[in-house]
Amino acid sequence: MSRKYFEEYDLIDANFKHICFEYTQFTQCNMTRSDFRGTYGYIIDIQSNKLKKAKFSFLEVRNLLISIDIVID
């Protein structure tokens, strides 16, 4: 599968609930107040995106940590 990209998009208040974003990467987007609850398969760089007040499901929030290269055990 090929990777899809959202780069430099204004996604303020976007509703992405329950969407499969398999192989989709978000970079330098404004995702303020966006709703990602129930969404999976995304790659979001928490250092380059604006995520203030964005909503995520607890089980999927680990995807946010991929971009900072830490080990989760």
C-alpha atoms as a PDB file:
ATOM      1  CA  MET A   1       0.000   0.000   0.000  1.00  0.00           C
ATOM      2  CA  SER A   2       1.164   3.514  -0.716  1.00  0.00           C
ATOM      3  CA  ARG A   3       1.353   6.152   1.988  1.00  0.00           C
ATOM      4  CA  LYS A   4      -1.001   9.144   1.820  1.00  0.00           C
ATOM      5  CA  TYR A   5      -0.106  12.613   3.105  1.00  0.00           C
ATOM      6  CA  PHE A   6      -1.876  15.595   4.584  1.00  0.00           C
ATOM      7  CA  GLU A   7       0.691  18.391   4.620  1.00  0.00           C
ATOM      8  CA  GLU A   8       0.060  22.013   5.636  1.00  0.00           C
ATOM      9  CA  TYR A   9      -3.734  21.583   5.755  1.00  0.00           C
ATOM     10  CA  ASP A  10      -6.092  23.628   7.917  1.00  0.00           C
ATOM     11  CA  LEU A  11      -8.117  20.926   9.681  1.00  0.00           C
ATOM     12  CA  ILE A  12      -9.537  23.006  12.534  1.00  0.00           C
ATOM     13  CA  ASP A  13     -12.673  21.377  14.007  1.00  0.00           C
ATOM     14  CA  ALA A  14     -12.463  18.475  11.527  1.00  0.00           C
ATOM     15  CA  ASN A  15     -14.496  15.378  12.354  1.00  0.00           C
ATOM     16  CA  PHE A  16     -12.460  12.245  11.593  1.00  0.00           C
ATOM     17  CA  LYS A  17     -14.353   9.941  13.982  1.00  0.00           C
ATOM     18  CA  HIS A  18     -14.175   6.221  13.157  1.00  0.00           C
ATOM     19  CA  ILE A  19     -12.135   6.574   9.953  1.00  0.00           C
ATOM     20  CA  CYS A  20      -9.404   4.169   8.856  1.00  0.00           C
ATOM     21  CA  PHE A  21      -6.405   6.289   7.859  1.00  0.00           C
ATOM     22  CA  GLU A  22      -4.222   3.310   6.988  1.00  0.00           C
ATOM     23  CA  TYR A  23      -0.769   4.593   5.955  1.00  0.00           C
ATOM     24  CA  THR A  24      -1.818   8.267   6.224  1.00  0.00           C
ATOM     25  CA  GLN A  25       0.642  10.817   7.578  1.00  0.00           C
ATOM     26  CA  PHE A  26      -0.193  14.314   8.854  1.00  0.00           C
ATOM     27  CA  THR A  27       2.583  16.928   8.802  1.00  0.00           C
ATOM     28  CA  GLN A  28       2.476  20.676   9.567  1.00  0.00           C
ATOM     29  CA  CYS A  29      -1.324  20.722   9.817  1.00  0.00           C
ATOM     30  CA  ASN A  30      -3.487  22.766  12.130  1.00  0.00           C
ATOM     31  CA  MET A  31      -5.725  20.156  13.764  1.00  0.00           C
ATOM     32  CA  THR A  32      -6.969  22.327  16.622  1.00  0.00           C
ATOM     33  CA  ARG A  33     -10.138  20.807  18.138  1.00  0.00           C
ATOM     34  CA  SER A  34     -10.225  17.992  15.539  1.00  0.00           C
ATOM     35  CA  ASP A  35     -11.883  14.741  16.578  1.00  0.00           C
ATOM     36  CA  PHE A  36      -9.931  11.526  15.959  1.00  0.00           C
ATOM     37  CA  ARG A  37     -11.823   9.330  18.438  1.00  0.00           C
ATOM     38  CA  GLY A  38     -12.231   5.807  17.097  1.00  0.00           C
ATOM     39  CA  THR A  39      -9.872   6.581  14.218  1.00  0.00           C
ATOM     40  CA  TYR A  40      -6.867   4.362  13.500  1.00  0.00           C
ATOM     41  CA  GLY A  41      -3.939   3.859  11.146  1.00  0.00           C
ATOM     42  CA  TYR A  42      -2.775   7.491  11.183  1.00  0.00           C
ATOM     43  CA  ILE A  43       0.730   8.852  11.703  1.00  0.00           C
ATOM     44  CA  ILE A  44       0.724  12.313  13.265  1.00  0.00           C
ATOM     45  CA  ASP A  45       3.940  14.174  13.989  1.00  0.00           C
ATOM     46  CA  ILE A  46       3.143  15.826  17.322  1.00  0.00           C
ATOM     47  CA  GLN A  47       6.076  18.204  16.919  1.00  0.00           C
ATOM     48  CA  SER A  48       5.038  19.712  13.588  1.00  0.00           C
ATOM     49  CA  ASN A  49       1.225  19.705  13.907  1.00  0.00           C
ATOM     50  CA  LYS A  50      -0.980  21.949  16.026  1.00  0.00           C
ATOM     51  CA  LEU A  51      -3.102  19.639  18.196  1.00  0.00           C
ATOM     52  CA  LYS A  52      -4.521  21.941  20.863  1.00  0.00           C
ATOM     53  CA  LYS A  53      -7.818  20.542  22.217  1.00  0.00           C
ATOM     54  CA  ALA A  54      -7.806  17.716  19.614  1.00  0.00           C
ATOM     55  CA  LYS A  55      -9.589  14.535  20.742  1.00  0.00           C
ATOM     56  CA  PHE A  56      -8.131  11.025  20.521  1.00  0.00           C
ATOM     57  CA  SER A  57      -9.155   7.585  21.794  1.00  0.00           C
ATOM     58  CA  PHE A  58      -6.939   6.380  24.627  1.00  0.00           C
ATOM     59  CA  LEU A  59      -5.995   3.114  22.892  1.00  0.00           C
ATOM     60  CA  GLU A  60      -4.947   4.864  19.685  1.00  0.00           C
ATOM     61  CA  VAL A  61      -3.044   7.734  21.288  1.00  0.00           C
ATOM     62  CA  ARG A  62       0.141   5.643  21.115  1.00  0.00           C
ATOM     63  CA  ASN A  63       0.247   6.529  17.402  1.00  0.00           C
ATOM     64  CA  LEU A  64       1.032  10.091  18.456  1.00  0.00           C
ATOM     65  CA  LEU A  65       4.164   8.915  20.228  1.00  0.00           C
ATOM     66  CA  ILE A  66       5.688   7.234  17.162  1.00  0.00           C
ATOM     67  CA  SER A  67       7.026  10.569  15.890  1.00  0.00           C
ATOM     68  CA  ILE A  68       9.139  11.191  19.003  1.00  0.00           C
ATOM     69  CA  ASP A  69      10.967   7.842  18.700  1.00  0.00           C
ATOM     70  CA  ILE A  70      10.371   6.439  22.159  1.00  0.00           C
ATOM     71  CA  VAL A  71       9.969   2.844  23.265  1.00  0.00           C
ATOM     72  CA  ILE A  72       6.632   1.872  24.787  1.00  0.00           C
ATOM     73  CA  ASP A  73       6.597  -1.414  26.641  1.00  0.00           C
END
